Amino acid sequence: MTRKPATTPRLAYKGDRLKPLRAFCQTARLGSVSRAAEALFVSQPAVTQQLQSLERELGVPLLERSGRRMVPTREGEVLYELAVPLVEGLDALPDAFRQQVRGLDAGELHIAANSTTTLYLLPRLIAAFRQAQPDVHLVLHSASTADGAQLVRSNTVDLCFGSMVDVPADIDYAPVYRFDQLLITPRDHPLATQAEPGLADIAAHGLILPPRRQVTLRLVDQVFQRNRVPYHVALEVEGWEVIKQYVAMGMGISVISSACVSQADHDALAVRPLGKLFPGRSYGVIMRKGKVLPPPARTFVDLVKPHLFTRRDYWDGGHSER
């Protein structure tokens, strides 16, 4: 006859360790079995039984009397440190679960934008969206406008926010903001005080511009080429904050959107309007034509409609309109 292997007896109280641990944590915290029973809405004998079961399982005394209070033993202090995060975490689980489920129901919104748009234009829009849709999980993808449009096509993102000149047939572009172009130079530069610098005057100095894949250099090139004025790009560099710093250091001059110039920049740079020489730039929402937008994306589009967020609204948020 084959003898069955010996097994550890299964005790009933081991089926639910949460109740004994909760009883122990409350007793250690409140210093009284009766107070722990009141806090747990159970009888005092029930708490006593749970404490005894826990001590039998662990094989050590966990509580001892000190005056009129029940306090943890040395072993009880160790268990208390381990058990409190577990008990509190399990007690908070239903609320945390419901909150996470609400987040799933609210959905996600993926927006692609380049560094200029993310830094200068999106902060106020994102703040308004977060206020309107606090449960939506929002993800910003760093990408040039051209790459952002490709992400829109592939449904990797819901929207792209940027500036477009040539709009492809499969893309919808809804301009939201329009900004003039400015000339920035060091404050002691000859063009800083010249009455109305022309294209030839600007072309006589080295330009600092973003890389060729971005729209700015293309627009500048179109203006000079159309007017047959030769010019020289002394430095291509990513990021308008870097460009402004290099201009202030005297490394060259630049043509920049007024969206990227704040009042603080006027302390380090000379800023001149170029509306008569260079066309303004628009920035807006880029969507895949014919796509049915999910609710979070529709909410964002509604928030950035021109009648809700005008150009002056943006500049009143901390910039000077010039």
Protein backbone atom coordinates (compact mmCIF):
# COMPACT_ATOMS: atom_id res chain seq x y z
CA MET A 1 0.00 0.00 0.00
CA THR A 2 1.36 3.38 -1.00
CA ARG A 3 1.57 5.83 1.87
CA LYS A 4 0.42 9.32 1.10
CA PRO A 5 3.02 12.00 1.78
CA ALA A 6 2.51 14.00 4.93
CA THR A 7 0.97 17.40 4.35
CA THR A 8 0.94 20.51 6.44
CA PRO A 9 -2.50 20.89 8.00
CA ARG A 10 -4.47 23.75 6.47
CA LEU A 11 -5.85 25.97 9.20
CA ALA A 12 -8.99 27.95 8.55
CA TYR A 13 -7.56 31.24 9.72
CA LYS A 14 -4.84 31.06 7.06
CA GLY A 15 -7.44 31.41 4.34
CA ASP A 16 -7.65 35.15 4.97
CA ARG A 17 -4.53 36.80 6.35
CA LEU A 18 -5.87 40.29 5.70
CA LYS A 19 -8.29 40.26 8.65
CA PRO A 20 -5.66 39.25 11.27
CA LEU A 21 -3.14 41.70 9.84
CA ARG A 22 -5.71 44.50 9.83
CA ALA A 23 -6.67 43.66 13.43
CA PHE A 24 -3.01 43.66 14.48
CA CYS A 25 -2.24 47.00 12.74
CA GLN A 26 -5.27 48.70 14.29
CA THR A 27 -4.49 47.35 17.77
CA ALA A 28 -0.85 48.42 17.52
CA ARG A 29 -1.87 51.85 16.25
CA LEU A 30 -4.68 52.48 18.75
CA GLY A 31 -3.12 50.66 21.72
CA SER A 32 -6.33 48.83 22.57
CA VAL A 33 -8.20 45.74 21.41
CA SER A 34 -11.52 47.40 22.13
CA ARG A 35 -10.64 50.49 20.11
CA ALA A 36 -9.42 48.31 17.26
CA ALA A 37 -12.75 46.45 17.33
CA GLU A 38 -14.65 49.74 17.13
CA ALA A 39 -12.50 50.93 14.22
CA LEU A 40 -13.05 47.65 12.35
CA PHE A 41 -16.78 47.38 13.22
CA VAL A 42 -16.36 43.91 14.69
CA SER A 43 -16.63 42.49 18.18
CA GLN A 44 -13.75 42.56 20.66
CA PRO A 45 -13.60 38.74 20.89
CA ALA A 46 -13.26 38.61 17.08
CA VAL A 47 -10.19 40.89 17.21
CA THR A 48 -8.72 38.85 20.07
CA GLN A 49 -9.19 35.63 18.10
CA GLN A 50 -7.55 37.13 15.00
CA LEU A 51 -4.55 38.32 17.05
CA GLN A 52 -4.15 34.91 18.65
CA SER A 53 -4.37 33.21 15.26
CA LEU A 54 -1.66 35.49 13.87
CA GLU A 55 0.64 34.83 16.84
CA ARG A 56 0.15 31.07 16.49
CA GLU A 57 0.99 31.25 12.78
CA LEU A 58 4.14 33.30 13.29
CA GLY A 59 5.16 31.54 16.49
CA VAL A 60 6.01 34.67 18.48
CA PRO A 61 4.12 37.12 20.71
CA LEU A 62 3.29 40.28 18.77
CA LEU A 63 1.70 42.50 21.43
CA GLU A 64 2.31 43.09 25.10
CA ARG A 65 0.76 45.34 27.72
CA SER A 66 2.56 48.50 28.79
CA GLY A 67 0.51 50.26 31.41
CA ARG A 68 -2.97 50.64 29.99
CA ARG A 69 -1.87 50.27 26.37
CA MET A 70 -1.14 47.32 24.14
CA VAL A 71 2.18 47.88 22.36
CA PRO A 72 4.07 45.81 19.80
CA THR A 73 6.85 43.52 20.96
CA ARG A 74 10.18 43.66 19.17
CA GLU A 75 8.86 41.10 16.67
CA GLY A 76 5.57 42.98 16.52
CA GLU A 77 7.34 46.18 15.49
CA VAL A 78 8.95 44.32 12.59
CA LEU A 79 5.58 42.92 11.51
CA TYR A 80 3.93 46.34 11.85
CA GLU A 81 6.44 47.93 9.47
CA LEU A 82 5.85 45.17 6.95
CA ALA A 83 2.09 44.90 7.29
CA VAL A 84 0.96 48.54 7.26
CA PRO A 85 1.81 49.17 3.55
CA LEU A 86 0.12 45.88 2.60
CA VAL A 87 -3.05 46.53 4.57
CA GLU A 88 -3.32 50.16 3.45
CA GLY A 89 -2.65 49.17 -0.15
CA LEU A 90 -5.35 46.49 -0.13
CA ASP A 91 -7.83 48.78 1.61
CA ALA A 92 -7.18 51.46 -1.03
CA LEU A 93 -7.45 48.98 -3.90
CA PRO A 94 -11.17 49.53 -4.73
CA ASP A 95 -10.81 53.31 -5.01
CA ALA A 96 -7.58 53.01 -6.98
CA PHE A 97 -9.21 50.48 -9.29
CA ARG A 98 -12.23 52.69 -9.94
CA GLN A 99 -9.95 55.63 -10.66
CA GLN A 100 -7.90 53.61 -13.13
CA VAL A 101 -11.05 52.35 -14.84
CA ARG A 102 -12.31 55.92 -15.18
CA GLY A 103 -8.98 56.75 -16.81
CA LEU A 104 -9.46 53.89 -19.29
CA ASP A 105 -12.94 55.10 -20.09
CA ALA A 106 -11.63 58.64 -20.57
CA GLY A 107 -9.13 57.38 -23.14
CA GLU A 108 -5.82 58.73 -24.40
CA LEU A 109 -4.76 61.62 -26.59
CA HIS A 110 -1.52 61.52 -28.58
CA ILE A 111 -0.25 64.79 -30.06
CA ALA A 112 2.89 65.26 -32.15
CA ALA A 113 4.67 68.63 -32.09
CA ASN A 114 8.13 70.05 -32.65
CA SER A 115 10.14 71.77 -29.94
CA THR A 116 9.02 75.28 -30.97
CA THR A 117 5.34 74.43 -30.74
CA THR A 118 5.76 72.44 -27.52
CA LEU A 119 7.69 75.23 -25.84
CA TYR A 120 5.87 78.36 -27.02
CA LEU A 121 2.34 77.48 -28.14
CA LEU A 122 1.11 74.29 -26.48
CA PRO A 123 1.51 75.02 -22.74
CA ARG A 124 -1.65 77.11 -22.43
CA LEU A 125 -3.63 74.80 -24.68
CA ILE A 126 -2.49 71.75 -22.73
CA ALA A 127 -3.40 73.45 -19.45
CA ALA A 128 -6.90 74.18 -20.76
CA PHE A 129 -7.29 70.61 -22.00
CA ARG A 130 -6.12 69.14 -18.68
CA GLN A 131 -8.69 71.27 -16.90
CA ALA A 132 -11.45 70.14 -19.24
CA GLN A 133 -10.40 66.47 -19.38
CA PRO A 134 -8.38 65.66 -16.23
CA ASP A 135 -8.79 61.88 -16.61
CA VAL A 136 -7.46 61.66 -20.16
CA HIS A 137 -3.95 60.24 -20.49
CA LEU A 138 -2.11 62.80 -22.64
CA VAL A 139 1.07 61.92 -24.53
CA LEU A 140 3.19 64.48 -26.41
CA HIS A 141 5.41 63.08 -29.17
CA SER A 142 8.45 65.14 -30.20
CA ALA A 143 8.58 65.33 -33.99
CA SER A 144 9.08 67.81 -36.79
CA THR A 145 5.90 68.89 -38.54
CA ALA A 146 6.67 66.66 -41.53
CA ASP A 147 7.34 63.66 -39.29
CA GLY A 148 4.27 64.55 -37.22
CA ALA A 149 2.10 64.47 -40.33
CA GLN A 150 3.45 61.00 -41.09
CA LEU A 151 2.58 59.89 -37.54
CA VAL A 152 -0.95 61.20 -38.15
CA ARG A 153 -1.18 59.19 -41.37
CA SER A 154 -0.11 55.99 -39.61
CA ASN A 155 -2.53 56.60 -36.70
CA THR A 156 0.41 56.62 -34.27
CA VAL A 157 -0.89 59.96 -33.02
CA ASP A 158 -4.34 61.51 -33.11
CA LEU A 159 -3.21 65.03 -34.02
CA CYS A 160 -0.18 67.07 -34.89
CA PHE A 161 0.22 70.73 -33.96
CA GLY A 162 2.60 72.72 -36.13
CA SER A 163 3.10 74.96 -39.14
CA MET A 164 2.41 73.88 -42.71
CA VAL A 165 3.05 75.65 -46.00
CA ASP A 166 2.23 72.95 -48.56
CA VAL A 167 -0.69 70.83 -47.31
CA PRO A 168 -0.83 67.27 -48.75
CA ALA A 169 -4.12 66.06 -50.22
CA ASP A 170 -4.68 63.49 -47.45
CA ILE A 171 -4.16 66.01 -44.62
CA ASP A 172 -6.47 68.60 -43.09
CA TYR A 173 -4.73 71.68 -41.70
CA ALA A 174 -6.68 74.11 -39.52
CA PRO A 175 -4.61 77.23 -38.72
CA VAL A 176 -5.18 78.56 -35.22
CA TYR A 177 -2.47 81.20 -34.72
CA ARG A 178 -0.71 83.55 -37.10
CA PHE A 179 2.51 85.34 -36.18
CA ASP A 180 4.66 87.93 -37.93
CA GLN A 181 8.32 87.39 -38.71
CA LEU A 182 10.96 89.37 -36.83
CA LEU A 183 14.62 90.17 -37.30
CA ILE A 184 16.76 89.61 -34.21
CA THR A 185 20.29 90.93 -33.87
CA PRO A 186 22.69 91.76 -31.06
CA ARG A 187 21.74 95.06 -29.46
CA ASP A 188 24.92 96.74 -30.78
CA HIS A 189 24.51 95.38 -34.34
CA PRO A 190 24.38 97.92 -37.24
CA LEU A 191 20.92 96.66 -38.28
CA ALA A 192 19.58 97.31 -34.77
CA THR A 193 19.27 101.02 -35.48
CA GLN A 194 18.91 101.08 -39.27
CA ALA A 195 15.59 102.67 -40.27
CA GLU A 196 14.10 99.85 -42.37
CA PRO A 197 16.55 97.05 -43.18
CA GLY A 198 15.98 95.53 -46.62
CA LEU A 199 16.72 92.04 -47.88
CA ALA A 200 20.15 93.07 -49.15
CA ASP A 201 20.99 94.57 -45.75
CA ILE A 202 20.01 91.34 -44.00
CA ALA A 203 21.79 89.16 -46.55
CA ALA A 204 25.05 91.03 -45.91
CA HIS A 205 25.30 89.29 -42.54
CA GLY A 206 25.52 85.62 -41.66
CA LEU A 207 22.19 84.05 -40.69
CA ILE A 208 21.59 81.56 -37.89
CA LEU A 209 18.60 79.37 -38.77
CA PRO A 210 17.04 76.00 -37.88
CA PRO A 211 17.98 72.92 -39.96
CA ARG A 212 16.80 72.67 -43.56
CA ARG A 213 14.16 70.04 -42.79
CA GLN A 214 12.19 72.67 -40.87
CA VAL A 215 9.81 75.18 -42.45
CA THR A 216 11.65 78.34 -41.34
CA LEU A 217 14.70 77.92 -43.55
CA ARG A 218 12.51 77.03 -46.52
CA LEU A 219 10.43 80.19 -46.10
CA VAL A 220 13.52 82.39 -45.72
CA ASP A 221 15.08 80.78 -48.78
CA GLN A 222 11.93 81.35 -50.85
CA VAL A 223 11.93 85.08 -50.06
CA PHE A 224 15.59 85.56 -50.95
CA GLN A 225 15.36 83.40 -54.05
CA ARG A 226 12.20 85.14 -55.29
CA ASN A 227 13.91 88.51 -54.94
CA ARG A 228 17.20 87.16 -56.32
CA VAL A 229 19.17 88.27 -53.30
CA PRO A 230 22.09 85.97 -52.40
CA TYR A 231 22.42 85.20 -48.69
CA HIS A 232 24.57 83.11 -46.39
CA VAL A 233 23.56 80.75 -43.58
CA ALA A 234 26.46 80.89 -41.16
CA LEU A 235 25.05 78.35 -38.74
CA GLU A 236 22.23 75.80 -38.65
CA VAL A 237 21.18 74.84 -35.14
CA GLU A 238 18.17 73.14 -33.54
CA GLY A 239 16.03 75.16 -31.13
CA TRP A 240 15.07 78.83 -31.04
CA GLU A 241 16.33 79.31 -27.49
CA VAL A 242 19.79 78.26 -28.66
CA ILE A 243 19.54 80.46 -31.75
CA LYS A 244 18.58 83.49 -29.65
CA GLN A 245 21.52 82.88 -27.35
CA TYR A 246 23.96 82.61 -30.27
CA VAL A 247 22.57 85.81 -31.81
CA ALA A 248 23.00 87.63 -28.49
CA MET A 249 26.62 86.43 -28.43
CA GLY A 250 27.23 88.07 -31.81
CA MET A 251 27.56 84.89 -33.91
CA GLY A 252 25.02 86.08 -36.48
CA ILE A 253 21.46 87.34 -36.96
CA SER A 254 18.19 85.49 -37.49
CA VAL A 255 14.65 85.67 -38.84
CA ILE A 256 12.26 84.35 -36.20
CA SER A 257 8.52 84.04 -35.61
CA SER A 258 7.11 86.48 -33.07
CA ALA A 259 5.67 83.42 -31.29
CA CYS A 260 9.19 82.61 -30.11
CA VAL A 261 10.13 86.04 -28.74
CA SER A 262 9.20 87.06 -25.21
CA GLN A 263 9.53 90.35 -23.41
CA ALA A 264 12.64 89.05 -21.64
CA ASP A 265 14.38 88.57 -25.01
CA HIS A 266 14.30 92.33 -25.61
CA ASP A 267 16.85 92.77 -22.82
CA ALA A 268 19.47 90.80 -24.77
CA LEU A 269 18.40 91.29 -28.40
CA ALA A 270 17.37 93.99 -30.82
CA VAL A 271 14.02 92.98 -32.34
CA ARG A 272 12.79 94.46 -35.62
CA PRO A 273 9.52 93.72 -37.50
CA LEU A 274 9.87 92.13 -40.94
CA GLY A 275 6.22 92.09 -42.01
CA LYS A 276 6.99 93.93 -45.25
CA LEU A 277 9.66 91.43 -46.30
CA PHE A 278 8.66 88.00 -44.98
CA PRO A 279 5.18 86.43 -44.83
CA GLY A 280 3.69 85.56 -41.47
CA ARG A 281 3.60 82.01 -40.13
CA SER A 282 0.50 80.07 -39.18
CA TYR A 283 0.37 77.30 -36.61
CA GLY A 284 -2.52 74.93 -36.24
CA VAL A 285 -3.97 71.44 -35.98
CA ILE A 286 -2.94 68.77 -38.49
CA MET A 287 -5.33 65.83 -38.92
CA ARG A 288 -5.75 62.92 -41.30
CA LYS A 289 -8.49 63.81 -43.76
CA GLY A 290 -11.65 61.79 -43.24
CA LYS A 291 -10.60 60.37 -39.87
CA VAL A 292 -13.25 60.19 -37.15
CA LEU A 293 -11.52 61.65 -34.13
CA PRO A 294 -11.91 60.00 -30.72
CA PRO A 295 -13.65 62.13 -28.04
CA PRO A 296 -10.42 63.43 -26.39
CA ALA A 297 -9.10 64.62 -29.77
CA ARG A 298 -12.41 66.32 -30.58
CA THR A 299 -12.28 68.11 -27.23
CA PHE A 300 -8.77 69.37 -27.98
CA VAL A 301 -9.79 70.61 -31.43
CA ASP A 302 -12.72 72.47 -29.91
CA LEU A 303 -10.39 74.13 -27.40
CA VAL A 304 -8.02 75.45 -30.06
CA LYS A 305 -10.65 76.89 -32.38
CA PRO A 306 -9.75 80.48 -33.24
CA HIS A 307 -12.82 81.93 -31.55
CA LEU A 308 -11.72 80.35 -28.24
CA PHE A 309 -7.97 80.96 -28.44
CA THR A 310 -7.05 84.02 -30.47
CA ARG A 311 -3.62 85.37 -31.13
CA ARG A 312 -4.11 88.10 -28.52
CA ASP A 313 -5.21 85.51 -25.96
CA TYR A 314 -1.86 83.81 -26.33
CA TRP A 315 0.23 86.93 -26.06
CA ASP A 316 -1.65 88.10 -23.00
CA GLY A 317 -0.45 84.90 -21.35
CA GLY A 318 3.02 86.30 -20.74
CA HIS A 319 4.31 87.55 -24.11
CA SER A 320 4.30 90.97 -25.71
CA GLU A 321 2.60 91.42 -29.04
CA ARG A 322 4.86 93.30 -31.38
